[in-house]
Every structure is written in structure tokens, then in C-alpha cells.
């Protein structure tokens, strides 16, 4: 995989994690019974994908 393709893959994974987290927050806003474990797992995924992307683009 080329460096450009790797950057795109990591960026796309992070954007996907952002979109999933946003949907989860919207669900939590509408239904306060959403499990906090789901929110925590989503935040962890968001953090991991951001870290991987930043490593690929050379910031970390």
C-alpha cells in the first residue's frame, strides 16, 4: 500500500468513527437510556483512529 493510500485509509477510518460517534450522541440525546458503555467504546474508537491517522501523517 502506498503512503498516500495508507493516509486515505486512516483518514477514512477516522471520519467513519466520527460519524458513528455523532450518530450515537444523537441517539443519546433523543433516548437518554442509551448505554454509557456504548459512548465510551465509541470515544475509544475515535481516539484510536485519530492516533493512527496522526502517526501516518507524521504528527505523532
Protein backbone atom coordinates (compact mmCIF):
# COMPACT_ATOMS: atom_id res chain seq x y z
CA UNK A 1 0.00 0.00 0.00
CA UNK A 2 1.37 3.40 -0.93
CA UNK A 3 1.83 6.11 1.66
CA UNK A 4 -0.96 8.15 0.04
CA UNK A 5 -3.34 5.18 0.11
CA UNK A 6 -2.45 4.50 3.74
CA UNK A 7 -3.16 8.13 4.65
CA UNK A 8 -6.52 7.96 2.88
CA UNK A 9 -7.40 4.67 4.59
CA UNK A 10 -6.59 6.02 8.06
CA UNK A 11 -8.39 9.30 7.34
CA UNK A 12 -11.48 7.46 6.09
CA UNK A 13 -11.48 5.22 9.18
CA UNK A 14 -11.32 8.27 11.44
CA UNK A 15 -14.11 10.07 9.57
CA UNK A 16 -16.23 6.91 9.85
CA UNK A 17 -15.58 6.80 13.61
CA UNK A 18 -16.61 10.47 13.88
CA UNK A 19 -19.85 9.81 12.01
CA UNK A 20 -20.67 6.78 14.16
CA UNK A 21 -19.96 8.74 17.34
CA UNK A 22 -22.13 11.62 16.14
CA UNK A 23 -25.00 9.20 15.46
CA UNK A 24 -24.55 7.70 18.91
CA UNK A 25 -24.63 11.13 20.55
CA UNK A 26 -27.79 11.98 18.62
CA UNK A 27 -29.33 8.72 19.83
CA UNK A 28 -28.30 9.53 23.40
CA UNK A 29 -29.82 12.99 23.06
CA UNK A 30 -33.13 11.52 21.88
CA UNK A 31 -33.10 8.46 24.14
CA UNK A 32 -31.41 9.04 27.46
CA UNK A 33 -31.49 5.28 28.07
CA UNK A 34 -28.53 4.69 25.72
CA UNK A 35 -25.77 2.79 27.50
CA UNK A 36 -22.76 4.80 28.57
CA UNK A 37 -20.57 1.82 27.68
CA UNK A 38 -21.54 2.40 24.04
CA UNK A 39 -20.49 6.04 24.31
CA UNK A 40 -17.21 5.06 25.97
CA UNK A 41 -16.45 2.46 23.29
CA UNK A 42 -17.22 4.99 20.58
CA UNK A 43 -14.87 7.55 22.14
CA UNK A 44 -12.14 4.93 22.39
CA UNK A 45 -12.57 4.09 18.69
CA UNK A 46 -12.48 7.78 17.82
CA UNK A 47 -9.26 8.20 19.80
CA UNK A 48 -7.61 5.16 18.22
CA UNK A 49 -8.45 6.15 14.66
CA UNK A 50 -7.23 9.71 15.25
CA UNK A 51 -3.98 8.44 16.75
CA UNK A 52 -3.39 6.10 13.80
CA UNK A 53 -4.09 8.88 11.30
CA UNK A 54 -1.78 11.33 13.08
CA UNK A 55 1.01 8.72 13.10
CA UNK A 56 0.62 8.16 9.36
CA UNK A 57 0.77 11.86 8.52
CA UNK A 58 3.79 12.29 10.79
CA UNK A 59 2.39 14.34 13.64
CA UNK A 60 2.88 11.63 16.29
